[in-house]
C-alpha atoms as a PDB file:
ATOM      1  CA  MET A   1       8.052  15.483  15.614  1.00  0.00           C
ATOM      2  CA  SER A   2       7.302  12.445  13.883  1.00  0.00           C
ATOM      3  CA  HIS A   3       6.072  12.011  10.342  1.00  0.00           C
ATOM      4  CA  GLU A   4       4.289   9.280   8.528  1.00  0.00           C
ATOM      5  CA  VAL A   5       6.479   7.020   6.026  1.00  0.00           C
ATOM      6  CA  ILE A   6       4.689   6.686   2.558  1.00  0.00           C
ATOM      7  CA  ILE A   7       5.652   3.993   0.177  1.00  0.00           C
ATOM      8  CA  LEU A   8       5.441   4.838  -3.322  1.00  0.00           C
ATOM      9  CA  PRO A   9       4.073   2.352  -6.172  1.00  0.00           C
ATOM     10  CA  ASP A  10       7.702   1.566  -7.449  1.00  0.00           C
ATOM     11  CA  GLU A  11       8.668   0.865  -3.976  1.00  0.00           C
ATOM     12  CA  MET A  12       5.800  -1.328  -3.180  1.00  0.00           C
ATOM     13  CA  GLU A  13       6.089  -3.368  -6.143  1.00  0.00           C
ATOM     14  CA  SER A  14       9.703  -4.153  -4.910  1.00  0.00           C
ATOM     15  CA  ILE A  15       8.875  -4.815  -1.356  1.00  0.00           C
ATOM     16  CA  VAL A  16       6.115  -7.402  -2.048  1.00  0.00           C
ATOM     17  CA  GLY A  17       7.544  -8.734  -5.160  1.00  0.00           C
ATOM     18  CA  ARG A  18       4.560  -8.204  -7.383  1.00  0.00           C
ATOM     19  CA  ASN A  19       3.755  -5.870 -10.177  1.00  0.00           C
ATOM     20  CA  ARG A  20       1.159  -3.207  -9.836  1.00  0.00           C
ATOM     21  CA  LYS A  21      -1.725  -4.949 -11.524  1.00  0.00           C
ATOM     22  CA  THR A  22      -1.411  -7.462  -8.839  1.00  0.00           C
ATOM     23  CA  ILE A  23      -1.378  -5.134  -6.175  1.00  0.00           C
ATOM     24  CA  TRP A  24      -4.285  -3.165  -7.581  1.00  0.00           C
ATOM     25  CA  ARG A  25      -6.363  -6.436  -7.874  1.00  0.00           C
ATOM     26  CA  TRP A  26      -5.677  -7.332  -4.441  1.00  0.00           C
ATOM     27  CA  TRP A  27      -6.902  -3.936  -3.335  1.00  0.00           C
ATOM     28  CA  ARG A  28      -9.764  -3.365  -5.545  1.00  0.00           C
ATOM     29  CA  LYS A  29     -11.185  -6.589  -6.488  1.00  0.00           C
ATOM     30  CA  GLU A  30     -10.251  -8.844  -3.532  1.00  0.00           C
ATOM     31  CA  LYS A  31     -10.047  -6.392  -0.953  1.00  0.00           C
ATOM     32  CA  SER A  32      -7.136  -7.947   0.780  1.00  0.00           C
ATOM     33  CA  PHE A  33      -4.536  -5.104   0.533  1.00  0.00           C
ATOM     34  CA  PRO A  34      -4.496  -1.800   2.072  1.00  0.00           C
ATOM     35  CA  ALA A  35      -5.891   0.990  -0.247  1.00  0.00           C
ATOM     36  CA  PRO A  36      -3.400   3.723  -1.355  1.00  0.00           C
ATOM     37  CA  ILE A  37      -3.754   7.323  -0.084  1.00  0.00           C
ATOM     38  CA  GLN A  38      -3.473  10.522  -2.362  1.00  0.00           C
ATOM     39  CA  ILE A  39      -0.510  12.352  -1.662  1.00  0.00           C
ATOM     40  CA  ASN A  40      -0.745  15.364  -3.710  1.00  0.00           C
ATOM     41  CA  GLY A  41      -2.510  15.730  -7.009  1.00  0.00           C
ATOM     42  CA  ARG A  42      -2.090  12.610  -8.892  1.00  0.00           C
ATOM     43  CA  ALA A  43       0.404  10.867  -6.637  1.00  0.00           C
ATOM     44  CA  ILE A  44      -0.375   7.922  -4.633  1.00  0.00           C
ATOM     45  CA  GLY A  45       1.160   5.858  -1.826  1.00  0.00           C
ATOM     46  CA  TRP A  46       0.588   3.675   0.823  1.00  0.00           C
ATOM     47  CA  ARG A  47       1.199   4.271   4.576  1.00  0.00           C
ATOM     48  CA  GLU A  48       3.964   2.197   6.061  1.00  0.00           C
ATOM     49  CA  ALA A  49       1.958   1.272   8.837  1.00  0.00           C
ATOM     50  CA  ASP A  50      -0.926   0.016   6.852  1.00  0.00           C
ATOM     51  CA  TYR A  51       1.664  -2.144   4.904  1.00  0.00           C
ATOM     52  CA  GLN A  52       3.040  -3.546   8.219  1.00  0.00           C
ATOM     53  CA  ALA A  53      -0.414  -4.129   9.456  1.00  0.00           C
ATOM     54  CA  TRP A  54      -1.068  -6.316   6.228  1.00  0.00           C
ATOM     55  CA  LEU A  55       2.174  -7.981   6.597  1.00  0.00           C
ATOM     56  CA  ASN A  56       1.683  -9.216  10.189  1.00  0.00           C
ATOM     57  CA  GLY A  57      -1.907 -10.282   9.260  1.00  0.00           C
ATOM     58  CA  GLU A  58      -3.337  -7.542  11.373  1.00  0.00           C
ATOM     59  CA  TRP A  59      -4.963  -5.436   8.672  1.00  0.00           C
ATOM     60  CA  GLN A  60      -8.529  -5.221   7.969  1.00  0.00           C
ATOM     61  CA  ASN A  61     -10.808  -3.879   5.285  1.00  0.00           C
END
């Protein structure tokens, strides 16, 4: 059984070395970063597979 790894916002900030505002700008305005998914209620995160694709230059909007 496999499960999907979700990266939470605080962890994503550490991984990419940028703050939330920058990550949000990349996603919302520049469309250059994967969209987060809603986890439950108001919590969000990014699929690790989407982040890895973005990191490798394989992610497309």
